[in-house]
Amino acid sequence: MAQLGLTERELRAWRTSFLMVELLRTRVEQQLQADGGLSNADYTVLVLLAEAPERRMRAYELGRVAGWEKSRMHHQLTRMERRGLVTREPCGSRGVYAVLTAEGLAALRRAAPGHAREVRRLFVDPLTPEELERFADVAAKILDNLQADAQP
């Protein structure tokens, strides 16, 4: 029975992918919490800052790369700053840099091996290399569509 104006095939693809993303997010979050007390959001910010030049990035750029609203990034940085994982420094008259602290880098280094093992176990290992490549291509196509749709 078609629902939401979708065929059975479309509905199956949508529901399966939606449930997969939700379960992966939950499982990875559980691993990050257990191994280092980090959330997915914490880990995302730590990785982006660790990869940025001088381990710093303008807060608006950090939000853009993460795909988050300005308020979400503000609140995330506030929580992380309280825990000593990041600091914020002024940039120009109105801008702010988010800066990875030594404590934040240490937290990332503690969490990364377990995170990689969990991603491999849950996501990479069940697929052949060819399936993984096809999955990446399909996901990139959907991501491109989402990013194009979000542009004003």
C-alpha atoms as a PDB file:
ATOM      1  CA  MET A   1       0.000   0.000   0.000  1.00  0.00           C
ATOM      2  CA  ALA A   2       1.483   3.323  -1.045  1.00  0.00           C
ATOM      3  CA  GLN A   3       1.655   5.996   1.624  1.00  0.00           C
ATOM      4  CA  LEU A   4       2.667   9.633   1.539  1.00  0.00           C
ATOM      5  CA  GLY A   5       2.315   9.523  -2.239  1.00  0.00           C
ATOM      6  CA  LEU A   6       5.237   7.092  -2.429  1.00  0.00           C
ATOM      7  CA  THR A   7       5.316   3.707  -4.115  1.00  0.00           C
ATOM      8  CA  GLU A   8       6.126   0.615  -2.076  1.00  0.00           C
ATOM      9  CA  ARG A   9       9.673   0.633  -3.465  1.00  0.00           C
ATOM     10  CA  GLU A  10      10.136   4.331  -2.623  1.00  0.00           C
ATOM     11  CA  LEU A  11       8.654   3.896   0.832  1.00  0.00           C
ATOM     12  CA  ARG A  12      10.897   0.896   1.554  1.00  0.00           C
ATOM     13  CA  ALA A  13      14.004   2.812   0.460  1.00  0.00           C
ATOM     14  CA  TRP A  14      13.026   5.859   2.542  1.00  0.00           C
ATOM     15  CA  ARG A  15      12.125   3.963   5.693  1.00  0.00           C
ATOM     16  CA  THR A  16      15.173   1.705   5.513  1.00  0.00           C
ATOM     17  CA  SER A  17      17.588   4.600   5.024  1.00  0.00           C
ATOM     18  CA  PHE A  18      15.901   6.701   7.724  1.00  0.00           C
ATOM     19  CA  LEU A  19      16.018   3.872  10.264  1.00  0.00           C
ATOM     20  CA  MET A  20      19.616   3.036   9.317  1.00  0.00           C
ATOM     21  CA  VAL A  21      20.755   6.632   9.900  1.00  0.00           C
ATOM     22  CA  GLU A  22      18.924   6.847  13.230  1.00  0.00           C
ATOM     23  CA  LEU A  23      20.319   3.540  14.506  1.00  0.00           C
ATOM     24  CA  LEU A  24      23.853   4.352  13.357  1.00  0.00           C
ATOM     25  CA  ARG A  25      23.662   7.739  15.081  1.00  0.00           C
ATOM     26  CA  THR A  26      22.391   6.123  18.295  1.00  0.00           C
ATOM     27  CA  ARG A  27      25.014   3.369  18.315  1.00  0.00           C
ATOM     28  CA  VAL A  28      27.887   5.744  17.582  1.00  0.00           C
ATOM     29  CA  GLU A  29      26.623   8.130  20.255  1.00  0.00           C
ATOM     30  CA  GLN A  30      26.548   5.261  22.779  1.00  0.00           C
ATOM     31  CA  GLN A  31      30.147   4.346  21.927  1.00  0.00           C
ATOM     32  CA  LEU A  32      31.337   7.954  22.184  1.00  0.00           C
ATOM     33  CA  GLN A  33      29.591   8.386  25.533  1.00  0.00           C
ATOM     34  CA  ALA A  34      30.985   5.127  26.907  1.00  0.00           C
ATOM     35  CA  ASP A  35      34.547   5.706  25.715  1.00  0.00           C
ATOM     36  CA  GLY A  36      34.955   9.383  26.453  1.00  0.00           C
ATOM     37  CA  GLY A  37      31.782  11.121  27.535  1.00  0.00           C
ATOM     38  CA  LEU A  38      31.387  12.822  24.154  1.00  0.00           C
ATOM     39  CA  SER A  39      28.271  13.328  22.066  1.00  0.00           C
ATOM     40  CA  ASN A  40      28.124  13.034  18.278  1.00  0.00           C
ATOM     41  CA  ALA A  41      27.969  16.823  18.179  1.00  0.00           C
ATOM     42  CA  ASP A  42      31.050  17.126  20.398  1.00  0.00           C
ATOM     43  CA  TYR A  43      32.950  14.701  18.193  1.00  0.00           C
ATOM     44  CA  THR A  44      31.908  16.524  15.018  1.00  0.00           C
ATOM     45  CA  VAL A  45      33.163  19.874  16.328  1.00  0.00           C
ATOM     46  CA  LEU A  46      36.390  18.362  17.669  1.00  0.00           C
ATOM     47  CA  VAL A  47      37.181  16.674  14.338  1.00  0.00           C
ATOM     48  CA  LEU A  48      36.446  19.795  12.289  1.00  0.00           C
ATOM     49  CA  LEU A  49      38.607  21.953  14.530  1.00  0.00           C
ATOM     50  CA  ALA A  50      41.420  19.378  14.641  1.00  0.00           C
ATOM     51  CA  GLU A  51      41.507  19.395  10.835  1.00  0.00           C
ATOM     52  CA  ALA A  52      41.373  23.204  10.538  1.00  0.00           C
ATOM     53  CA  PRO A  53      44.485  25.340  10.139  1.00  0.00           C
ATOM     54  CA  GLU A  54      45.840  26.269  13.576  1.00  0.00           C
ATOM     55  CA  ARG A  55      42.976  24.187  15.032  1.00  0.00           C
ATOM     56  CA  ARG A  56      40.654  27.176  14.794  1.00  0.00           C
ATOM     57  CA  MET A  57      37.731  28.153  12.633  1.00  0.00           C
ATOM     58  CA  ARG A  58      35.273  31.014  12.478  1.00  0.00           C
ATOM     59  CA  ALA A  59      32.124  29.904  14.303  1.00  0.00           C
ATOM     60  CA  TYR A  60      29.894  30.705  11.320  1.00  0.00           C
ATOM     61  CA  GLU A  61      32.150  28.633   9.045  1.00  0.00           C
ATOM     62  CA  LEU A  62      32.169  25.774  11.546  1.00  0.00           C
ATOM     63  CA  GLY A  63      28.372  25.836  11.532  1.00  0.00           C
ATOM     64  CA  ARG A  64      28.244  25.923   7.750  1.00  0.00           C
ATOM     65  CA  VAL A  65      30.604  22.947   7.393  1.00  0.00           C
ATOM     66  CA  ALA A  66      28.699  20.986  10.053  1.00  0.00           C
ATOM     67  CA  GLY A  67      25.374  21.903   8.418  1.00  0.00           C
ATOM     68  CA  TRP A  68      24.028  23.456  11.625  1.00  0.00           C
ATOM     69  CA  GLU A  69      21.992  26.546  12.371  1.00  0.00           C
ATOM     70  CA  LYS A  70      23.793  29.466  14.028  1.00  0.00           C
ATOM     71  CA  SER A  71      21.978  28.947  17.338  1.00  0.00           C
ATOM     72  CA  ARG A  72      22.782  25.248  17.446  1.00  0.00           C
ATOM     73  CA  MET A  73      26.476  25.972  16.944  1.00  0.00           C
ATOM     74  CA  HIS A  74      26.394  28.716  19.581  1.00  0.00           C
ATOM     75  CA  HIS A  75      24.846  26.405  22.185  1.00  0.00           C
ATOM     76  CA  GLN A  76      27.178  23.527  21.279  1.00  0.00           C
ATOM     77  CA  LEU A  77      30.248  25.728  21.635  1.00  0.00           C
ATOM     78  CA  THR A  78      28.941  27.055  24.957  1.00  0.00           C
ATOM     79  CA  ARG A  79      28.582  23.511  26.322  1.00  0.00           C
ATOM     80  CA  MET A  80      31.994  22.492  25.028  1.00  0.00           C
ATOM     81  CA  GLU A  81      33.650  25.647  26.343  1.00  0.00           C
ATOM     82  CA  ARG A  82      32.296  24.947  29.844  1.00  0.00           C
ATOM     83  CA  ARG A  83      33.974  21.529  29.676  1.00  0.00           C
ATOM     84  CA  GLY A  84      37.280  22.977  28.476  1.00  0.00           C
ATOM     85  CA  LEU A  85      37.159  21.329  25.043  1.00  0.00           C
ATOM     86  CA  VAL A  86      37.144  24.598  23.071  1.00  0.00           C
ATOM     87  CA  THR A  87      37.591  28.293  23.636  1.00  0.00           C
ATOM     88  CA  ARG A  88      36.135  31.218  21.745  1.00  0.00           C
ATOM     89  CA  GLU A  89      38.263  34.154  20.688  1.00  0.00           C
ATOM     90  CA  PRO A  90      37.164  37.408  19.076  1.00  0.00           C
ATOM     91  CA  CYS A  91      37.745  37.773  15.352  1.00  0.00           C
ATOM     92  CA  GLY A  92      37.266  41.224  13.903  1.00  0.00           C
ATOM     93  CA  SER A  93      34.492  43.427  15.218  1.00  0.00           C
ATOM     94  CA  ARG A  94      31.744  40.791  15.349  1.00  0.00           C
ATOM     95  CA  GLY A  95      33.258  37.429  14.525  1.00  0.00           C
ATOM     96  CA  VAL A  96      34.308  34.622  16.813  1.00  0.00           C
ATOM     97  CA  TYR A  97      36.865  31.883  16.374  1.00  0.00           C
ATOM     98  CA  ALA A  98      36.213  28.479  17.878  1.00  0.00           C
ATOM     99  CA  VAL A  99      39.574  27.113  18.999  1.00  0.00           C
ATOM    100  CA  LEU A 100      40.394  23.534  19.944  1.00  0.00           C
ATOM    101  CA  THR A 101      42.056  23.328  23.360  1.00  0.00           C
ATOM    102  CA  ALA A 102      44.700  20.819  24.421  1.00  0.00           C
ATOM    103  CA  GLU A 103      41.996  19.143  26.503  1.00  0.00           C
ATOM    104  CA  GLY A 104      39.706  18.963  23.467  1.00  0.00           C
ATOM    105  CA  LEU A 105      42.450  17.451  21.345  1.00  0.00           C
ATOM    106  CA  ALA A 106      43.186  14.892  24.075  1.00  0.00           C
ATOM    107  CA  ALA A 107      39.478  13.985  24.267  1.00  0.00           C
ATOM    108  CA  LEU A 108      39.387  13.521  20.498  1.00  0.00           C
ATOM    109  CA  ARG A 109      42.494  11.332  20.560  1.00  0.00           C
ATOM    110  CA  ARG A 110      40.975   9.176  23.303  1.00  0.00           C
ATOM    111  CA  ALA A 111      37.667   8.774  21.453  1.00  0.00           C
ATOM    112  CA  ALA A 112      38.924   8.326  17.883  1.00  0.00           C
ATOM    113  CA  PRO A 113      40.149   4.701  18.032  1.00  0.00           C
ATOM    114  CA  GLY A 114      36.901   3.386  19.534  1.00  0.00           C
ATOM    115  CA  HIS A 115      34.876   5.538  17.165  1.00  0.00           C
ATOM    116  CA  ALA A 116      36.749   4.152  14.165  1.00  0.00           C
ATOM    117  CA  ARG A 117      36.287   0.574  15.399  1.00  0.00           C
ATOM    118  CA  GLU A 118      32.552   1.116  15.864  1.00  0.00           C
ATOM    119  CA  VAL A 119      32.119   2.752  12.445  1.00  0.00           C
ATOM    120  CA  ARG A 120      34.045  -0.105  10.863  1.00  0.00           C
ATOM    121  CA  ARG A 121      32.039  -2.753  12.731  1.00  0.00           C
ATOM    122  CA  LEU A 122      28.608  -1.225  12.094  1.00  0.00           C
ATOM    123  CA  PHE A 123      29.031   0.396   8.692  1.00  0.00           C
ATOM    124  CA  VAL A 124      32.115  -0.670   6.747  1.00  0.00           C
ATOM    125  CA  ASP A 125      32.514  -4.382   7.495  1.00  0.00           C
ATOM    126  CA  PRO A 126      29.019  -5.511   6.427  1.00  0.00           C
ATOM    127  CA  LEU A 127      29.689  -4.189   2.898  1.00  0.00           C
ATOM    128  CA  THR A 128      32.008  -5.322   0.147  1.00  0.00           C
ATOM    129  CA  PRO A 129      34.417  -2.672  -1.170  1.00  0.00           C
ATOM    130  CA  GLU A 130      32.226  -2.358  -4.268  1.00  0.00           C
ATOM    131  CA  GLU A 131      29.059  -1.916  -2.194  1.00  0.00           C
ATOM    132  CA  LEU A 132      30.793   0.683  -0.055  1.00  0.00           C
ATOM    133  CA  GLU A 133      31.821   2.604  -3.180  1.00  0.00           C
ATOM    134  CA  ARG A 134      28.260   2.450  -4.594  1.00  0.00           C
ATOM    135  CA  PHE A 135      26.850   3.528  -1.233  1.00  0.00           C
ATOM    136  CA  ALA A 136      29.216   6.511  -1.132  1.00  0.00           C
ATOM    137  CA  ASP A 137      28.185   7.496  -4.665  1.00  0.00           C
ATOM    138  CA  VAL A 138      24.464   7.290  -3.868  1.00  0.00           C
ATOM    139  CA  ALA A 139      24.866   9.144  -0.575  1.00  0.00           C
ATOM    140  CA  ALA A 140      26.901  11.874  -2.321  1.00  0.00           C
ATOM    141  CA  LYS A 141      24.162  12.300  -4.925  1.00  0.00           C
ATOM    142  CA  ILE A 142      21.520  12.736  -2.218  1.00  0.00           C
ATOM    143  CA  LEU A 143      23.794  15.053  -0.230  1.00  0.00           C
ATOM    144  CA  ASP A 144      24.421  17.203  -3.320  1.00  0.00           C
ATOM    145  CA  ASN A 145      20.658  17.470  -3.832  1.00  0.00           C
ATOM    146  CA  LEU A 146      20.106  18.457  -0.193  1.00  0.00           C
ATOM    147  CA  GLN A 147      22.831  21.090  -0.309  1.00  0.00           C
ATOM    148  CA  ALA A 148      21.568  22.541  -3.582  1.00  0.00           C
ATOM    149  CA  ASP A 149      18.021  22.635  -2.217  1.00  0.00           C
ATOM    150  CA  ALA A 150      19.154  24.565   0.882  1.00  0.00           C
ATOM    151  CA  GLN A 151      20.732  27.371  -1.164  1.00  0.00           C
ATOM    152  CA  PRO A 152      18.680  30.588  -1.366  1.00  0.00           C
END
